[in-house]
PDB file of N, CA and C in Angstrom:
ATOM      1  N   MET A   1      12.057 -36.842  -0.143  1.00  0.00           N
ATOM      2  CA  MET A   1      11.388 -36.054  -1.154  1.00  0.00           C
ATOM      3  C   MET A   1      10.105 -36.755  -1.545  1.00  0.00           C
ATOM      4  N   ASN A   2       9.081 -35.999  -1.776  1.00  0.00           N
ATOM      5  CA  ASN A   2       7.772 -36.537  -2.121  1.00  0.00           C
ATOM      6  C   ASN A   2       7.511 -36.287  -3.596  1.00  0.00           C
ATOM      7  N   ASP A   3       7.304 -37.353  -4.376  1.00  0.00           N
ATOM      8  CA  ASP A   3       7.090 -37.222  -5.815  1.00  0.00           C
ATOM      9  C   ASP A   3       5.627 -37.073  -6.195  1.00  0.00           C
ATOM     10  N   ARG A   4       4.745 -37.258  -5.250  1.00  0.00           N
ATOM     11  CA  ARG A   4       3.331 -37.193  -5.639  1.00  0.00           C
ATOM     12  C   ARG A   4       2.887 -35.739  -5.737  1.00  0.00           C
ATOM     13  N   ALA A   5       2.092 -35.476  -6.730  1.00  0.00           N
ATOM     14  CA  ALA A   5       1.580 -34.115  -6.950  1.00  0.00           C
ATOM     15  C   ALA A   5       0.373 -33.890  -6.055  1.00  0.00           C
ATOM     16  N   GLU A   6       0.315 -32.727  -5.449  1.00  0.00           N
ATOM     17  CA  GLU A   6      -0.843 -32.392  -4.628  1.00  0.00           C
ATOM     18  C   GLU A   6      -1.872 -31.682  -5.482  1.00  0.00           C
ATOM     19  N   THR A   7      -3.133 -31.993  -5.230  1.00  0.00           N
ATOM     20  CA  THR A   7      -4.217 -31.377  -5.978  1.00  0.00           C
ATOM     21  C   THR A   7      -4.515 -30.003  -5.396  1.00  0.00           C
ATOM     22  N   ILE A   8      -4.604 -29.028  -6.247  1.00  0.00           N
ATOM     23  CA  ILE A   8      -4.937 -27.668  -5.829  1.00  0.00           C
ATOM     24  C   ILE A   8      -6.385 -27.405  -6.195  1.00  0.00           C
ATOM     25  N   ASP A   9      -7.151 -26.944  -5.227  1.00  0.00           N
ATOM     26  CA  ASP A   9      -8.559 -26.638  -5.466  1.00  0.00           C
ATOM     27  C   ASP A   9      -8.660 -25.213  -6.011  1.00  0.00           C
ATOM     28  N   LEU A  10      -8.683 -25.076  -7.327  1.00  0.00           N
ATOM     29  CA  LEU A  10      -8.752 -23.754  -7.946  1.00  0.00           C
ATOM     30  C   LEU A  10     -10.079 -23.061  -7.666  1.00  0.00           C
ATOM     31  N   ASP A  11     -11.135 -23.837  -7.436  1.00  0.00           N
ATOM     32  CA  ASP A  11     -12.420 -23.223  -7.083  1.00  0.00           C
ATOM     33  C   ASP A  11     -12.321 -22.502  -5.743  1.00  0.00           C
ATOM     34  N   ALA A  12     -11.579 -23.069  -4.807  1.00  0.00           N
ATOM     35  CA  ALA A  12     -11.392 -22.406  -3.510  1.00  0.00           C
ATOM     36  C   ALA A  12     -10.631 -21.102  -3.696  1.00  0.00           C
ATOM     37  N   CYS A  13      -9.645 -21.113  -4.567  1.00  0.00           N
ATOM     38  CA  CYS A  13      -8.894 -19.882  -4.843  1.00  0.00           C
ATOM     39  C   CYS A  13      -9.800 -18.825  -5.468  1.00  0.00           C
ATOM     40  N   ALA A  14     -10.663 -19.249  -6.372  1.00  0.00           N
ATOM     41  CA  ALA A  14     -11.561 -18.310  -7.046  1.00  0.00           C
ATOM     42  C   ALA A  14     -12.554 -17.682  -6.078  1.00  0.00           C
ATOM     43  N   ARG A  15     -12.869 -18.376  -4.995  1.00  0.00           N
ATOM     44  CA  ARG A  15     -13.821 -17.838  -4.013  1.00  0.00           C
ATOM     45  C   ARG A  15     -13.182 -16.815  -3.073  1.00  0.00           C
ATOM     46  N   GLU A  16     -11.870 -16.731  -3.057  1.00  0.00           N
ATOM     47  CA  GLU A  16     -11.197 -15.764  -2.192  1.00  0.00           C
ATOM     48  C   GLU A  16     -11.567 -14.347  -2.627  1.00  0.00           C
ATOM     49  N   PRO A  17     -11.889 -13.470  -1.680  1.00  0.00           N
ATOM     50  CA  PRO A  17     -12.330 -12.117  -2.041  1.00  0.00           C
ATOM     51  C   PRO A  17     -11.225 -11.213  -2.581  1.00  0.00           C
ATOM     52  N   ILE A  18      -9.995 -11.672  -2.626  1.00  0.00           N
ATOM     53  CA  ILE A  18      -8.916 -10.801  -3.102  1.00  0.00           C
ATOM     54  C   ILE A  18      -9.039 -10.459  -4.570  1.00  0.00           C
ATOM     55  N   HIS A  19      -9.831 -11.204  -5.299  1.00  0.00           N
ATOM     56  CA  HIS A  19      -9.976 -10.943  -6.735  1.00  0.00           C
ATOM     57  C   HIS A  19     -11.040  -9.895  -7.037  1.00  0.00           C
ATOM     58  N   ILE A  20     -11.750  -9.442  -6.010  1.00  0.00           N
ATOM     59  CA  ILE A  20     -12.824  -8.474  -6.218  1.00  0.00           C
ATOM     60  C   ILE A  20     -12.220  -7.077  -6.297  1.00  0.00           C
ATOM     61  N   PRO A  21     -12.315  -6.421  -7.450  1.00  0.00           N
ATOM     62  CA  PRO A  21     -11.729  -5.087  -7.565  1.00  0.00           C
ATOM     63  C   PRO A  21     -12.486  -4.061  -6.723  1.00  0.00           C
ATOM     64  N   GLY A  22     -11.769  -3.050  -6.307  1.00  0.00           N
ATOM     65  CA  GLY A  22     -12.399  -1.963  -5.572  1.00  0.00           C
ATOM     66  C   GLY A  22     -12.394  -2.135  -4.069  1.00  0.00           C
ATOM     67  N   LEU A  23     -11.797  -3.197  -3.574  1.00  0.00           N
ATOM     68  CA  LEU A  23     -11.778  -3.414  -2.134  1.00  0.00           C
ATOM     69  C   LEU A  23     -10.359  -3.279  -1.594  1.00  0.00           C
ATOM     70  N   ILE A  24     -10.204  -2.466  -0.564  1.00  0.00           N
ATOM     71  CA  ILE A  24      -8.937  -2.321   0.141  1.00  0.00           C
ATOM     72  C   ILE A  24      -9.183  -2.832   1.552  1.00  0.00           C
ATOM     73  N   GLN A  25      -8.298  -3.666   2.066  1.00  0.00           N
ATOM     74  CA  GLN A  25      -8.449  -4.153   3.431  1.00  0.00           C
ATOM     75  C   GLN A  25      -8.530  -2.954   4.373  1.00  0.00           C
ATOM     76  N   PRO A  26      -9.317  -3.036   5.453  1.00  0.00           N
ATOM     77  CA  PRO A  26      -9.480  -1.879   6.341  1.00  0.00           C
ATOM     78  C   PRO A  26      -8.184  -1.442   7.018  1.00  0.00           C
ATOM     79  N   TYR A  27      -7.205  -2.306   7.081  1.00  0.00           N
ATOM     80  CA  TYR A  27      -5.923  -1.951   7.687  1.00  0.00           C
ATOM     81  C   TYR A  27      -4.874  -1.586   6.639  1.00  0.00           C
ATOM     82  N   GLY A  28      -5.288  -1.518   5.378  1.00  0.00           N
ATOM     83  CA  GLY A  28      -4.363  -1.209   4.292  1.00  0.00           C
ATOM     84  C   GLY A  28      -4.681   0.112   3.627  1.00  0.00           C
ATOM     85  N   VAL A  29      -3.780   0.545   2.777  1.00  0.00           N
ATOM     86  CA  VAL A  29      -3.920   1.822   2.082  1.00  0.00           C
ATOM     87  C   VAL A  29      -3.437   1.646   0.646  1.00  0.00           C
ATOM     88  N   LEU A  30      -4.115   2.303  -0.261  1.00  0.00           N
ATOM     89  CA  LEU A  30      -3.653   2.377  -1.641  1.00  0.00           C
ATOM     90  C   LEU A  30      -3.398   3.842  -1.949  1.00  0.00           C
ATOM     91  N   LEU A  31      -2.167   4.159  -2.340  1.00  0.00           N
ATOM     92  CA  LEU A  31      -1.800   5.520  -2.711  1.00  0.00           C
ATOM     93  C   LEU A  31      -1.419   5.538  -4.185  1.00  0.00           C
ATOM     94  N   VAL A  32      -1.882   6.554  -4.898  1.00  0.00           N
ATOM     95  CA  VAL A  32      -1.473   6.776  -6.282  1.00  0.00           C
ATOM     96  C   VAL A  32      -0.509   7.953  -6.249  1.00  0.00           C
ATOM     97  N   VAL A  33       0.712   7.707  -6.718  1.00  0.00           N
ATOM     98  CA  VAL A  33       1.779   8.696  -6.619  1.00  0.00           C
ATOM     99  C   VAL A  33       2.196   9.141  -8.016  1.00  0.00           C
ATOM    100  N   GLU A  34       2.295  10.455  -8.208  1.00  0.00           N
ATOM    101  CA  GLU A  34       2.772  11.013  -9.475  1.00  0.00           C
ATOM    102  C   GLU A  34       4.267  10.729  -9.583  1.00  0.00           C
ATOM    103  N   PRO A  35       4.674   9.952 -10.589  1.00  0.00           N
ATOM    104  CA  PRO A  35       6.088   9.579 -10.689  1.00  0.00           C
ATOM    105  C   PRO A  35       7.035  10.763 -10.867  1.00  0.00           C
ATOM    106  N   ALA A  36       6.582  11.824 -11.501  1.00  0.00           N
ATOM    107  CA  ALA A  36       7.466  12.956 -11.788  1.00  0.00           C
ATOM    108  C   ALA A  36       7.943  13.660 -10.525  1.00  0.00           C
ATOM    109  N   ASP A  37       7.069  13.768  -9.511  1.00  0.00           N
ATOM    110  CA  ASP A  37       7.466  14.525  -8.322  1.00  0.00           C
ATOM    111  C   ASP A  37       7.174  13.826  -6.992  1.00  0.00           C
ATOM    112  N   GLY A  38       6.619  12.613  -7.027  1.00  0.00           N
ATOM    113  CA  GLY A  38       6.379  11.873  -5.793  1.00  0.00           C
ATOM    114  C   GLY A  38       5.178  12.335  -4.995  1.00  0.00           C
ATOM    115  N   ARG A  39       4.323  13.158  -5.583  1.00  0.00           N
ATOM    116  CA  ARG A  39       3.154  13.668  -4.863  1.00  0.00           C
ATOM    117  C   ARG A  39       1.995  12.677  -4.940  1.00  0.00           C
ATOM    118  N   ILE A  40       1.249  12.582  -3.842  1.00  0.00           N
ATOM    119  CA  ILE A  40       0.075  11.711  -3.777  1.00  0.00           C
ATOM    120  C   ILE A  40      -1.061  12.404  -4.514  1.00  0.00           C
ATOM    121  N   VAL A  41      -1.598  11.742  -5.527  1.00  0.00           N
ATOM    122  CA  VAL A  41      -2.675  12.330  -6.320  1.00  0.00           C
ATOM    123  C   VAL A  41      -4.017  11.660  -6.053  1.00  0.00           C
ATOM    124  N   GLN A  42      -4.004  10.490  -5.430  1.00  0.00           N
ATOM    125  CA  GLN A  42      -5.238   9.796  -5.099  1.00  0.00           C
ATOM    126  C   GLN A  42      -4.940   8.832  -3.960  1.00  0.00           C
ATOM    127  N   ALA A  43      -5.939   8.605  -3.090  1.00  0.00           N
ATOM    128  CA  ALA A  43      -5.747   7.705  -1.958  1.00  0.00           C
ATOM    129  C   ALA A  43      -7.053   6.989  -1.653  1.00  0.00           C
ATOM    130  N   SER A  44      -6.935   5.781  -1.132  1.00  0.00           N
ATOM    131  CA  SER A  44      -8.122   5.011  -0.778  1.00  0.00           C
ATOM    132  C   SER A  44      -8.825   5.645   0.420  1.00  0.00           C
ATOM    133  N   ALA A  45     -10.086   5.272   0.614  1.00  0.00           N
ATOM    134  CA  ALA A  45     -10.886   5.825   1.712  1.00  0.00           C
ATOM    135  C   ALA A  45     -10.288   5.490   3.073  1.00  0.00           C
ATOM    136  N   THR A  46      -9.476   4.463   3.156  1.00  0.00           N
ATOM    137  CA  THR A  46      -8.856   4.063   4.419  1.00  0.00           C
ATOM    138  C   THR A  46      -7.641   4.910   4.787  1.00  0.00           C
ATOM    139  N   ALA A  47      -7.150   5.710   3.865  1.00  0.00           N
ATOM    140  CA  ALA A  47      -5.875   6.410   4.050  1.00  0.00           C
ATOM    141  C   ALA A  47      -5.871   7.353   5.248  1.00  0.00           C
ATOM    142  N   ALA A  48      -6.906   8.135   5.424  1.00  0.00           N
ATOM    143  CA  ALA A  48      -6.907   9.134   6.499  1.00  0.00           C
ATOM    144  C   ALA A  48      -6.736   8.482   7.866  1.00  0.00           C
ATOM    145  N   GLU A  49      -7.495   7.425   8.137  1.00  0.00           N
ATOM    146  CA  GLU A  49      -7.392   6.791   9.452  1.00  0.00           C
ATOM    147  C   GLU A  49      -6.074   6.037   9.614  1.00  0.00           C
ATOM    148  N   VAL A  50      -5.697   5.269   8.625  1.00  0.00           N
ATOM    149  CA  VAL A  50      -4.484   4.457   8.748  1.00  0.00           C
ATOM    150  C   VAL A  50      -3.234   5.326   8.819  1.00  0.00           C
ATOM    151  N   LEU A  51      -3.174   6.382   8.018  1.00  0.00           N
ATOM    152  CA  LEU A  51      -1.986   7.228   7.981  1.00  0.00           C
ATOM    153  C   LEU A  51      -2.015   8.351   9.012  1.00  0.00           C
ATOM    154  N   GLY A  52      -3.172   8.602   9.604  1.00  0.00           N
ATOM    155  CA  GLY A  52      -3.252   9.585  10.671  1.00  0.00           C
ATOM    156  C   GLY A  52      -3.247  11.027  10.224  1.00  0.00           C
ATOM    157  N   ALA A  53      -3.751  11.292   9.047  1.00  0.00           N
ATOM    158  CA  ALA A  53      -3.822  12.666   8.543  1.00  0.00           C
ATOM    159  C   ALA A  53      -5.089  12.810   7.710  1.00  0.00           C
ATOM    160  N   PRO A  54      -5.720  13.984   7.748  1.00  0.00           N
ATOM    161  CA  PRO A  54      -6.912  14.196   6.919  1.00  0.00           C
ATOM    162  C   PRO A  54      -6.574  14.049   5.435  1.00  0.00           C
ATOM    163  N   MET A  55      -7.549  13.611   4.670  1.00  0.00           N
ATOM    164  CA  MET A  55      -7.351  13.407   3.237  1.00  0.00           C
ATOM    165  C   MET A  55      -6.825  14.672   2.562  1.00  0.00           C
ATOM    166  N   GLN A  56      -7.279  15.853   3.007  1.00  0.00           N
ATOM    167  CA  GLN A  56      -6.832  17.116   2.411  1.00  0.00           C
ATOM    168  C   GLN A  56      -5.320  17.300   2.576  1.00  0.00           C
ATOM    169  N   GLN A  57      -4.761  16.809   3.680  1.00  0.00           N
ATOM    170  CA  GLN A  57      -3.313  16.912   3.891  1.00  0.00           C
ATOM    171  C   GLN A  57      -2.546  15.863   3.095  1.00  0.00           C
ATOM    172  N   LEU A  58      -3.158  14.714   2.876  1.00  0.00           N
ATOM    173  CA  LEU A  58      -2.477  13.646   2.149  1.00  0.00           C
ATOM    174  C   LEU A  58      -2.359  13.967   0.669  1.00  0.00           C
ATOM    175  N   LEU A  59      -3.464  14.435   0.079  1.00  0.00           N
ATOM    176  CA  LEU A  59      -3.452  14.729  -1.351  1.00  0.00           C
ATOM    177  C   LEU A  59      -2.538  15.921  -1.618  1.00  0.00           C
ATOM    178  N   GLY A  60      -1.590  15.730  -2.488  1.00  0.00           N
ATOM    179  CA  GLY A  60      -0.624  16.777  -2.805  1.00  0.00           C
ATOM    180  C   GLY A  60       0.669  16.671  -2.018  1.00  0.00           C
ATOM    181  N   ALA A  61       0.665  15.888  -0.928  1.00  0.00           N
ATOM    182  CA  ALA A  61       1.894  15.701  -0.148  1.00  0.00           C
ATOM    183  C   ALA A  61       2.799  14.696  -0.853  1.00  0.00           C
ATOM    184  N   ARG A  62       4.097  14.815  -0.627  1.00  0.00           N
ATOM    185  CA  ARG A  62       5.015  13.810  -1.167  1.00  0.00           C
ATOM    186  C   ARG A  62       4.868  12.524  -0.352  1.00  0.00           C
ATOM    187  N   TYR A  63       4.964  11.386  -1.025  1.00  0.00           N
ATOM    188  CA  TYR A  63       4.796  10.111  -0.331  1.00  0.00           C
ATOM    189  C   TYR A  63       5.825   9.934   0.779  1.00  0.00           C
ATOM    190  N   ASP A  64       7.035  10.462   0.609  1.00  0.00           N
ATOM    191  CA  ASP A  64       8.052  10.286   1.636  1.00  0.00           C
ATOM    192  C   ASP A  64       7.887  11.256   2.805  1.00  0.00           C
ATOM    193  N   GLU A  65       6.911  12.175   2.724  1.00  0.00           N
ATOM    194  CA  GLU A  65       6.539  13.002   3.869  1.00  0.00           C
ATOM    195  C   GLU A  65       5.483  12.290   4.705  1.00  0.00           C
ATOM    196  N   VAL A  66       4.755  11.388   4.089  1.00  0.00           N
ATOM    197  CA  VAL A  66       3.655  10.678   4.742  1.00  0.00           C
ATOM    198  C   VAL A  66       4.123   9.337   5.295  1.00  0.00           C
ATOM    199  N   LEU A  67       5.020   8.679   4.589  1.00  0.00           N
ATOM    200  CA  LEU A  67       5.541   7.373   4.981  1.00  0.00           C
ATOM    201  C   LEU A  67       7.007   7.501   5.347  1.00  0.00           C
ATOM    202  N   GLN A  68       7.395   6.862   6.426  1.00  0.00           N
ATOM    203  CA  GLN A  68       8.816   6.819   6.767  1.00  0.00           C
ATOM    204  C   GLN A  68       9.378   5.518   6.215  1.00  0.00           C
ATOM    205  N   LEU A  69      10.163   5.634   5.161  1.00  0.00           N
ATOM    206  CA  LEU A  69      10.770   4.480   4.506  1.00  0.00           C
ATOM    207  C   LEU A  69      12.273   4.518   4.698  1.00  0.00           C
ATOM    208  N   SER A  70      12.856   3.352   4.854  1.00  0.00           N
ATOM    209  CA  SER A  70      14.317   3.324   4.911  1.00  0.00           C
ATOM    210  C   SER A  70      14.857   3.663   3.524  1.00  0.00           C
ATOM    211  N   PRO A  71      16.046   4.225   3.443  1.00  0.00           N
ATOM    212  CA  PRO A  71      16.591   4.630   2.139  1.00  0.00           C
ATOM    213  C   PRO A  71      16.656   3.495   1.120  1.00  0.00           C
ATOM    214  N   HIS A  72      16.901   2.254   1.570  1.00  0.00           N
ATOM    215  CA  HIS A  72      16.990   1.143   0.613  1.00  0.00           C
ATOM    216  C   HIS A  72      15.628   0.746   0.046  1.00  0.00           C
ATOM    217  N   ALA A  73      14.540   1.234   0.638  1.00  0.00           N
ATOM    218  CA  ALA A  73      13.200   0.892   0.159  1.00  0.00           C
ATOM    219  C   ALA A  73      12.678   1.884  -0.872  1.00  0.00           C
ATOM    220  N   ARG A  74      13.401   2.943  -1.113  1.00  0.00           N
ATOM    221  CA  ARG A  74      12.937   3.948  -2.079  1.00  0.00           C
ATOM    222  C   ARG A  74      13.235   3.499  -3.500  1.00  0.00           C
ATOM    223  N   PRO A  75      12.355   3.874  -4.431  1.00  0.00           N
ATOM    224  CA  PRO A  75      12.572   3.425  -5.813  1.00  0.00           C
ATOM    225  C   PRO A  75      13.742   4.151  -6.465  1.00  0.00           C
ATOM    226  N   TYR A  76      14.416   3.446  -7.324  1.00  0.00           N
ATOM    227  CA  TYR A  76      15.477   4.044  -8.131  1.00  0.00           C
ATOM    228  C   TYR A  76      14.901   4.353  -9.499  1.00  0.00           C
ATOM    229  N   PRO A  77      15.067   5.565  -9.988  1.00  0.00           N
ATOM    230  CA  PRO A  77      14.513   5.893 -11.305  1.00  0.00           C
ATOM    231  C   PRO A  77      15.210   5.104 -12.406  1.00  0.00           C
ATOM    232  N   VAL A  78      14.404   4.471 -13.238  1.00  0.00           N
ATOM    233  CA  VAL A  78      14.907   3.741 -14.396  1.00  0.00           C
ATOM    234  C   VAL A  78      14.171   4.288 -15.603  1.00  0.00           C
ATOM    235  N   GLN A  79      14.908   4.808 -16.552  1.00  0.00           N
ATOM    236  CA  GLN A  79      14.316   5.452 -17.724  1.00  0.00           C
ATOM    237  C   GLN A  79      13.335   4.526 -18.430  1.00  0.00           C
ATOM    238  N   GLY A  80      12.095   4.986 -18.591  1.00  0.00           N
ATOM    239  CA  GLY A  80      11.099   4.257 -19.360  1.00  0.00           C
ATOM    240  C   GLY A  80      10.454   3.085 -18.650  1.00  0.00           C
ATOM    241  N   GLU A  81      10.711   2.883 -17.362  1.00  0.00           N
ATOM    242  CA  GLU A  81      10.125   1.756 -16.644  1.00  0.00           C
ATOM    243  C   GLU A  81       9.300   2.254 -15.469  1.00  0.00           C
ATOM    244  N   SER A  82       8.270   1.464 -15.112  1.00  0.00           N
ATOM    245  CA  SER A  82       7.468   1.768 -13.930  1.00  0.00           C
ATOM    246  C   SER A  82       8.344   1.619 -12.693  1.00  0.00           C
ATOM    247  N   GLN A  83       8.005   2.370 -11.657  1.00  0.00           N
ATOM    248  CA  GLN A  83       8.737   2.277 -10.405  1.00  0.00           C
ATOM    249  C   GLN A  83       7.816   1.696  -9.347  1.00  0.00           C
ATOM    250  N   HIS A  84       8.338   0.786  -8.563  1.00  0.00           N
ATOM    251  CA  HIS A  84       7.579   0.174  -7.486  1.00  0.00           C
ATOM    252  C   HIS A  84       8.438   0.184  -6.235  1.00  0.00           C
ATOM    253  N   LEU A  85       7.797   0.445  -5.101  1.00  0.00           N
ATOM    254  CA  LEU A  85       8.513   0.332  -3.844  1.00  0.00           C
ATOM    255  C   LEU A  85       8.577  -1.139  -3.478  1.00  0.00           C
ATOM    256  N   ILE A  86       9.700  -1.561  -2.953  1.00  0.00           N
ATOM    257  CA  ILE A  86       9.797  -2.941  -2.505  1.00  0.00           C
ATOM    258  C   ILE A  86       8.992  -3.097  -1.222  1.00  0.00           C
ATOM    259  N   HIS A  87       8.663  -4.322  -0.879  1.00  0.00           N
ATOM    260  CA  HIS A  87       7.977  -4.558   0.390  1.00  0.00           C
ATOM    261  C   HIS A  87       8.974  -4.311   1.508  1.00  0.00           C
ATOM    262  N   ALA A  88       8.667  -3.372   2.361  1.00  0.00           N
ATOM    263  CA  ALA A  88       9.572  -3.007   3.438  1.00  0.00           C
ATOM    264  C   ALA A  88       8.750  -2.461   4.593  1.00  0.00           C
ATOM    265  N   PRO A  89       9.271  -2.596   5.809  1.00  0.00           N
ATOM    266  CA  PRO A  89       8.564  -2.001   6.944  1.00  0.00           C
ATOM    267  C   PRO A  89       8.417  -0.499   6.735  1.00  0.00           C
ATOM    268  N   VAL A  90       7.286   0.010   7.166  1.00  0.00           N
ATOM    269  CA  VAL A  90       7.008   1.430   7.005  1.00  0.00           C
ATOM    270  C   VAL A  90       6.325   1.925   8.273  1.00  0.00           C
ATOM    271  N   SER A  91       6.552   3.162   8.631  1.00  0.00           N
ATOM    272  CA  SER A  91       5.834   3.750   9.763  1.00  0.00           C
ATOM    273  C   SER A  91       5.119   4.994   9.276  1.00  0.00           C
ATOM    274  N   PHE A  92       4.170   5.423  10.067  1.00  0.00           N
ATOM    275  CA  PHE A  92       3.314   6.538   9.692  1.00  0.00           C
ATOM    276  C   PHE A  92       3.531   7.676  10.684  1.00  0.00           C
ATOM    277  N   PRO A  93       4.429   8.609  10.385  1.00  0.00           N
ATOM    278  CA  PRO A  93       4.814   9.627  11.355  1.00  0.00           C
ATOM    279  C   PRO A  93       3.698  10.570  11.768  1.00  0.00           C
ATOM    280  N   ARG A  94       2.677  10.718  10.963  1.00  0.00           N
ATOM    281  CA  ARG A  94       1.606  11.655  11.303  1.00  0.00           C
ATOM    282  C   ARG A  94       0.568  11.036  12.234  1.00  0.00           C
ATOM    283  N   ARG A  95       0.585   9.723  12.377  1.00  0.00           N
ATOM    284  CA  ARG A  95      -0.399   9.069  13.239  1.00  0.00           C
ATOM    285  C   ARG A  95       0.130   9.053  14.662  1.00  0.00           C
ATOM    286  N   SER A  96      -0.652   9.561  15.595  1.00  0.00           N
ATOM    287  CA  SER A  96      -0.186   9.669  16.973  1.00  0.00           C
ATOM    288  C   SER A  96      -0.410   8.397  17.775  1.00  0.00           C
ATOM    289  N   GLY A  97      -1.289   7.536  17.331  1.00  0.00           N
ATOM    290  CA  GLY A  97      -1.561   6.304  18.060  1.00  0.00           C
ATOM    291  C   GLY A  97      -2.108   5.251  17.126  1.00  0.00           C
ATOM    292  N   ALA A  98      -2.587   4.180  17.716  1.00  0.00           N
ATOM    293  CA  ALA A  98      -3.161   3.095  16.918  1.00  0.00           C
ATOM    294  C   ALA A  98      -4.481   3.547  16.304  1.00  0.00           C
ATOM    295  N   PRO A  99      -4.883   2.940  15.187  1.00  0.00           N
ATOM    296  CA  PRO A  99      -6.184   3.268  14.600  1.00  0.00           C
ATOM    297  C   PRO A  99      -7.306   3.003  15.595  1.00  0.00           C
ATOM    298  N   ALA A 100      -8.421   3.675  15.413  1.00  0.00           N
ATOM    299  CA  ALA A 100      -9.556   3.539  16.322  1.00  0.00           C
ATOM    300  C   ALA A 100     -10.108   2.121  16.330  1.00  0.00           C
ATOM    301  N   GLN A 101      -9.978   1.425  15.222  1.00  0.00           N
ATOM    302  CA  GLN A 101     -10.525   0.083  15.095  1.00  0.00           C
ATOM    303  C   GLN A 101      -9.387  -0.926  15.152  1.00  0.00           C
ATOM    304  N   ALA A 102      -9.563  -1.966  15.962  1.00  0.00           N
ATOM    305  CA  ALA A 102      -8.569  -3.044  16.002  1.00  0.00           C
ATOM    306  C   ALA A 102      -8.956  -4.090  14.973  1.00  0.00           C
ATOM    307  N   TRP A 103      -8.049  -4.408  14.068  1.00  0.00           N
ATOM    308  CA  TRP A 103      -8.358  -5.402  13.041  1.00  0.00           C
ATOM    309  C   TRP A 103      -7.831  -6.694  13.498  1.00  0.00           C
TER     310      TRP A 103
END
């Protein structure tokens, strides 16, 4: 066991671009889902390419029609609390192949 404390360079952490709001990785997607009915009400600009469907088809669709999630990854409703999907493998049934851009 090592008792010495390691120095963390907090300035290096602050320089990481993950703290910049408004940026979604080109291989990622941000979906805003209406909790009452599971419908997608907003999506990041990357959604159409990554998910393989035009934005017009994504908006208003239920999230579980767009994403194939295993049953254990779906949120359980808890009265008065926010719902979050756990990190789980997901597939995109509407996308016929890989995205046009390799990341």
